[in-house]
Amino acid sequence: MTDLAAGKRLRSNVSDTEIIVVRAPATPLELSCGGQPMTADPVSAGTAPTNIGDNDTALGKRYVDTDTGLEVLCTKPGPGVLTADGRVLTIKAPSALPASD
């Protein structure tokens, strides 16, 4: 389990994926990418992602876990699916801008 705080940078151990926590959950949770826990430490090479899908991380997208309120921003894309305690994070829909007159 990882204590997450807004602004914390995390890296995947199995791909190039890097994220920043935008909204932290109230309780610690296990944040993973490609089936392996994410870490604030430099990446250690050698492990292959086990959880790769069509929804690999995308640069500039925000990912959310609606169960905990977790929101992260992808700052470096890569293969692997983001999960929080085993639940797949979904891409947050962009907010509509107000119409200008």
N, C-alpha and C. Protein backbone atom coordinates (compact mmCIF):
# COMPACT_ATOMS: atom_id res chain seq x y z
N MET A 1 0.83 -1.18 0.00
CA MET A 1 0.00 0.00 0.00
C MET A 1 0.88 1.25 0.00
N THR A 2 0.43 2.25 -0.73
CA THR A 2 1.20 3.47 -0.87
C THR A 2 0.38 4.65 -0.37
N ASP A 3 1.00 5.49 0.45
CA ASP A 3 0.36 6.74 0.84
C ASP A 3 0.55 7.72 -0.31
N LEU A 4 -0.55 8.19 -0.87
CA LEU A 4 -0.47 9.10 -2.01
C LEU A 4 -0.86 10.50 -1.56
N ALA A 5 -0.15 11.49 -2.10
CA ALA A 5 -0.44 12.89 -1.83
C ALA A 5 -0.44 13.64 -3.16
N ALA A 6 -1.25 14.67 -3.26
CA ALA A 6 -1.29 15.47 -4.48
C ALA A 6 0.11 15.99 -4.80
N GLY A 7 0.51 15.86 -6.06
CA GLY A 7 1.82 16.32 -6.50
C GLY A 7 2.88 15.23 -6.50
N LYS A 8 2.58 14.07 -5.93
CA LYS A 8 3.57 12.98 -5.88
C LYS A 8 3.76 12.39 -7.27
N ARG A 9 5.03 12.21 -7.67
CA ARG A 9 5.37 11.62 -8.97
C ARG A 9 5.66 10.14 -8.78
N LEU A 10 5.10 9.33 -9.67
CA LEU A 10 5.32 7.89 -9.62
C LEU A 10 5.73 7.39 -10.99
N ARG A 11 6.54 6.32 -11.00
CA ARG A 11 7.03 5.71 -12.23
C ARG A 11 6.66 4.24 -12.26
N SER A 12 6.44 3.73 -13.46
CA SER A 12 6.20 2.31 -13.64
C SER A 12 7.53 1.57 -13.58
N ASN A 13 7.50 0.37 -13.03
CA ASN A 13 8.69 -0.48 -12.99
C ASN A 13 8.84 -1.32 -14.26
N VAL A 14 7.83 -1.31 -15.13
CA VAL A 14 7.85 -2.19 -16.30
C VAL A 14 7.70 -1.46 -17.63
N SER A 15 7.51 -0.15 -17.60
CA SER A 15 7.39 0.61 -18.85
C SER A 15 7.86 2.04 -18.60
N ASP A 16 7.72 2.88 -19.61
CA ASP A 16 8.14 4.28 -19.51
C ASP A 16 7.12 5.17 -18.81
N THR A 17 5.98 4.62 -18.43
CA THR A 17 4.89 5.40 -17.86
C THR A 17 5.30 6.14 -16.59
N GLU A 18 4.95 7.44 -16.56
CA GLU A 18 5.14 8.27 -15.37
C GLU A 18 3.86 9.07 -15.15
N ILE A 19 3.48 9.24 -13.89
CA ILE A 19 2.26 9.96 -13.55
C ILE A 19 2.50 10.92 -12.39
N ILE A 20 1.58 11.86 -12.23
CA ILE A 20 1.54 12.76 -11.07
C ILE A 20 0.16 12.62 -10.45
N VAL A 21 0.11 12.49 -9.13
CA VAL A 21 -1.16 12.40 -8.42
C VAL A 21 -1.78 13.79 -8.37
N VAL A 22 -3.02 13.91 -8.89
CA VAL A 22 -3.74 15.18 -8.89
C VAL A 22 -4.65 15.26 -7.66
N ARG A 23 -5.39 14.19 -7.40
CA ARG A 23 -6.25 14.09 -6.21
C ARG A 23 -5.94 12.77 -5.53
N ALA A 24 -5.58 12.86 -4.28
CA ALA A 24 -5.21 11.67 -3.52
C ALA A 24 -6.43 11.09 -2.80
N PRO A 25 -6.48 9.77 -2.66
CA PRO A 25 -7.56 9.16 -1.89
C PRO A 25 -7.34 9.36 -0.39
N ALA A 26 -8.38 9.16 0.38
CA ALA A 26 -8.28 9.33 1.84
C ALA A 26 -7.49 8.20 2.49
N THR A 27 -7.48 7.03 1.86
CA THR A 27 -6.78 5.87 2.42
C THR A 27 -5.68 5.40 1.48
N PRO A 28 -4.64 4.76 2.00
CA PRO A 28 -3.57 4.24 1.14
C PRO A 28 -4.12 3.15 0.21
N LEU A 29 -3.53 3.05 -0.98
CA LEU A 29 -3.92 2.00 -1.91
C LEU A 29 -2.71 1.58 -2.74
N GLU A 30 -2.86 0.48 -3.47
CA GLU A 30 -1.80 -0.05 -4.32
C GLU A 30 -2.04 0.45 -5.75
N LEU A 31 -1.19 1.34 -6.23
CA LEU A 31 -1.29 1.88 -7.58
C LEU A 31 -0.30 1.14 -8.45
N SER A 32 -0.79 0.51 -9.53
CA SER A 32 0.06 -0.32 -10.38
C SER A 32 -0.05 0.07 -11.84
N CYS A 33 0.97 -0.30 -12.59
CA CYS A 33 0.97 -0.14 -14.05
C CYS A 33 1.58 -1.41 -14.63
N GLY A 34 0.88 -2.02 -15.57
CA GLY A 34 1.38 -3.25 -16.17
C GLY A 34 1.46 -4.40 -15.20
N GLY A 35 0.64 -4.36 -14.14
CA GLY A 35 0.61 -5.44 -13.18
C GLY A 35 1.66 -5.36 -12.08
N GLN A 36 2.48 -4.31 -12.08
CA GLN A 36 3.52 -4.14 -11.07
C GLN A 36 3.32 -2.82 -10.33
N PRO A 37 3.61 -2.76 -9.03
CA PRO A 37 3.43 -1.52 -8.27
C PRO A 37 4.27 -0.38 -8.83
N MET A 38 3.70 0.83 -8.79
CA MET A 38 4.44 2.02 -9.21
C MET A 38 5.26 2.52 -8.03
N THR A 39 6.34 3.24 -8.33
CA THR A 39 7.27 3.69 -7.30
C THR A 39 7.75 5.10 -7.58
N ALA A 40 8.19 5.78 -6.54
CA ALA A 40 8.78 7.11 -6.70
C ALA A 40 10.27 7.00 -7.02
N ASP A 41 10.83 5.82 -6.81
CA ASP A 41 12.26 5.58 -7.05
C ASP A 41 12.54 5.45 -8.54
N PRO A 42 13.81 5.62 -8.95
CA PRO A 42 14.18 5.40 -10.35
C PRO A 42 13.80 3.99 -10.79
N VAL A 43 13.47 3.86 -12.06
CA VAL A 43 12.99 2.60 -12.62
C VAL A 43 14.10 1.57 -12.67
N SER A 44 13.77 0.35 -12.27
CA SER A 44 14.70 -0.77 -12.40
C SER A 44 14.27 -1.62 -13.59
N ALA A 45 15.15 -1.75 -14.56
CA ALA A 45 14.82 -2.47 -15.80
C ALA A 45 14.80 -3.97 -15.56
N GLY A 46 14.15 -4.69 -16.48
CA GLY A 46 14.23 -6.13 -16.44
C GLY A 46 12.89 -6.84 -16.31
N THR A 47 11.84 -6.20 -15.84
CA THR A 47 10.55 -6.84 -15.69
C THR A 47 9.65 -6.45 -16.85
N ALA A 48 8.95 -7.42 -17.40
CA ALA A 48 8.04 -7.15 -18.51
C ALA A 48 6.64 -6.92 -17.96
N PRO A 49 5.88 -6.01 -18.58
CA PRO A 49 4.51 -5.77 -18.12
C PRO A 49 3.66 -7.02 -18.27
N THR A 50 2.81 -7.30 -17.30
CA THR A 50 1.92 -8.46 -17.38
C THR A 50 0.50 -8.04 -17.72
N ASN A 51 0.19 -6.78 -17.58
CA ASN A 51 -1.16 -6.27 -17.81
C ASN A 51 -1.11 -5.23 -18.92
N ILE A 52 -1.01 -5.69 -20.17
CA ILE A 52 -0.95 -4.79 -21.31
C ILE A 52 -2.25 -4.93 -22.08
N GLY A 53 -2.83 -3.82 -22.47
CA GLY A 53 -4.09 -3.85 -23.21
C GLY A 53 -4.15 -2.75 -24.24
N ASP A 54 -5.33 -2.59 -24.80
CA ASP A 54 -5.54 -1.54 -25.81
C ASP A 54 -5.55 -0.16 -25.17
N ASN A 55 -5.73 -0.09 -23.87
CA ASN A 55 -5.80 1.20 -23.20
C ASN A 55 -4.50 1.51 -22.45
N ASP A 56 -3.38 1.48 -23.18
CA ASP A 56 -2.10 1.88 -22.60
C ASP A 56 -2.19 3.35 -22.20
N THR A 57 -1.31 3.79 -21.33
CA THR A 57 -1.38 5.16 -20.84
C THR A 57 -1.12 6.17 -21.96
N ALA A 58 -1.85 7.27 -21.92
CA ALA A 58 -1.75 8.31 -22.95
C ALA A 58 -1.30 9.62 -22.32
N LEU A 59 -0.37 10.29 -22.97
CA LEU A 59 0.19 11.55 -22.49
C LEU A 59 -0.89 12.61 -22.30
N GLY A 60 -0.87 13.27 -21.15
CA GLY A 60 -1.77 14.39 -20.89
C GLY A 60 -3.17 14.00 -20.46
N LYS A 61 -3.46 12.72 -20.41
CA LYS A 61 -4.80 12.28 -19.99
C LYS A 61 -4.85 12.11 -18.48
N ARG A 62 -6.02 12.40 -17.93
CA ARG A 62 -6.25 12.19 -16.50
C ARG A 62 -7.00 10.87 -16.33
N TYR A 63 -6.54 10.10 -15.37
CA TYR A 63 -7.15 8.80 -15.07
C TYR A 63 -7.74 8.86 -13.68
N VAL A 64 -8.92 8.26 -13.50
CA VAL A 64 -9.62 8.33 -12.22
C VAL A 64 -10.05 6.95 -11.74
N ASP A 65 -10.16 6.84 -10.42
CA ASP A 65 -10.77 5.68 -9.77
C ASP A 65 -11.96 6.24 -9.00
N THR A 66 -13.16 5.99 -9.50
CA THR A 66 -14.36 6.58 -8.90
C THR A 66 -14.64 6.04 -7.50
N ASP A 67 -14.14 4.85 -7.17
CA ASP A 67 -14.38 4.27 -5.84
C ASP A 67 -13.65 5.04 -4.74
N THR A 68 -12.46 5.56 -5.04
CA THR A 68 -11.64 6.21 -4.02
C THR A 68 -11.46 7.71 -4.22
N GLY A 69 -11.79 8.21 -5.41
CA GLY A 69 -11.58 9.62 -5.71
C GLY A 69 -10.18 9.93 -6.22
N LEU A 70 -9.37 8.89 -6.44
CA LEU A 70 -8.02 9.07 -6.96
C LEU A 70 -8.07 9.64 -8.37
N GLU A 71 -7.21 10.63 -8.64
CA GLU A 71 -7.06 11.19 -9.98
C GLU A 71 -5.58 11.40 -10.24
N VAL A 72 -5.10 10.89 -11.38
CA VAL A 72 -3.69 11.04 -11.74
C VAL A 72 -3.59 11.60 -13.16
N LEU A 73 -2.46 12.24 -13.45
CA LEU A 73 -2.19 12.80 -14.77
C LEU A 73 -0.99 12.08 -15.35
N CYS A 74 -1.11 11.58 -16.57
CA CYS A 74 -0.01 10.88 -17.23
C CYS A 74 0.95 11.91 -17.82
N THR A 75 2.21 11.90 -17.36
CA THR A 75 3.22 12.84 -17.85
C THR A 75 4.18 12.19 -18.83
N LYS A 76 4.17 10.85 -18.90
CA LYS A 76 5.00 10.12 -19.86
C LYS A 76 4.26 8.83 -20.19
N PRO A 77 3.87 8.64 -21.46
CA PRO A 77 3.08 7.47 -21.83
C PRO A 77 3.92 6.20 -21.93
N GLY A 78 3.23 5.08 -21.93
CA GLY A 78 3.91 3.80 -22.08
C GLY A 78 2.91 2.66 -22.06
N PRO A 79 3.39 1.45 -22.32
CA PRO A 79 2.50 0.29 -22.28
C PRO A 79 2.15 -0.08 -20.84
N GLY A 80 1.00 -0.69 -20.68
CA GLY A 80 0.55 -1.11 -19.36
C GLY A 80 -0.71 -0.38 -18.95
N VAL A 81 -1.55 -1.06 -18.21
CA VAL A 81 -2.81 -0.52 -17.75
C VAL A 81 -2.65 -0.04 -16.31
N LEU A 82 -3.15 1.17 -16.01
CA LEU A 82 -3.10 1.70 -14.65
C LEU A 82 -4.23 1.09 -13.82
N THR A 83 -3.88 0.61 -12.62
CA THR A 83 -4.88 0.05 -11.72
C THR A 83 -4.67 0.57 -10.30
N ALA A 84 -5.76 0.63 -9.55
CA ALA A 84 -5.73 1.01 -8.13
C ALA A 84 -6.40 -0.10 -7.35
N ASP A 85 -5.64 -0.82 -6.54
CA ASP A 85 -6.15 -1.98 -5.79
C ASP A 85 -6.86 -2.96 -6.72
N GLY A 86 -6.32 -3.15 -7.92
CA GLY A 86 -6.87 -4.11 -8.87
C GLY A 86 -7.95 -3.57 -9.79
N ARG A 87 -8.46 -2.37 -9.52
CA ARG A 87 -9.49 -1.77 -10.38
C ARG A 87 -8.82 -0.94 -11.47
N VAL A 88 -9.24 -1.12 -12.70
CA VAL A 88 -8.66 -0.38 -13.82
C VAL A 88 -9.10 1.08 -13.74
N LEU A 89 -8.12 2.00 -13.86
CA LEU A 89 -8.43 3.43 -13.88
C LEU A 89 -8.99 3.79 -15.25
N THR A 90 -9.97 4.68 -15.27
CA THR A 90 -10.59 5.10 -16.53
C THR A 90 -10.15 6.52 -16.87
N ILE A 91 -10.17 6.83 -18.16
CA ILE A 91 -9.81 8.18 -18.60
C ILE A 91 -10.95 9.12 -18.22
N LYS A 92 -10.59 10.22 -17.59
CA LYS A 92 -11.58 11.22 -17.17
C LYS A 92 -12.04 12.00 -18.39
N ALA A 93 -13.35 12.17 -18.50
CA ALA A 93 -13.91 12.94 -19.61
C ALA A 93 -13.54 14.41 -19.42
N PRO A 94 -13.14 15.08 -20.50
CA PRO A 94 -12.79 16.50 -20.38
C PRO A 94 -14.02 17.33 -20.04
N SER A 95 -13.81 18.37 -19.27
CA SER A 95 -14.90 19.27 -18.91
C SER A 95 -15.20 20.20 -20.08
N ALA A 96 -16.47 20.43 -20.32
CA ALA A 96 -16.87 21.33 -21.39
C ALA A 96 -16.62 22.77 -20.97
N LEU A 97 -16.08 23.55 -21.88
CA LEU A 97 -15.86 24.96 -21.61
C LEU A 97 -17.17 25.71 -21.83
N PRO A 98 -17.40 26.78 -21.08
CA PRO A 98 -18.63 27.54 -21.27
C PRO A 98 -18.63 28.22 -22.64
N ALA A 99 -19.81 28.31 -23.21
CA ALA A 99 -19.94 28.98 -24.51
C ALA A 99 -19.71 30.47 -24.33
N SER A 100 -18.98 31.05 -25.27
CA SER A 100 -18.76 32.50 -25.20
C SER A 100 -19.75 33.20 -26.13
N ASP A 101 -20.17 34.36 -25.73
CA ASP A 101 -21.15 35.09 -26.54
C ASP A 101 -20.48 36.10 -27.42
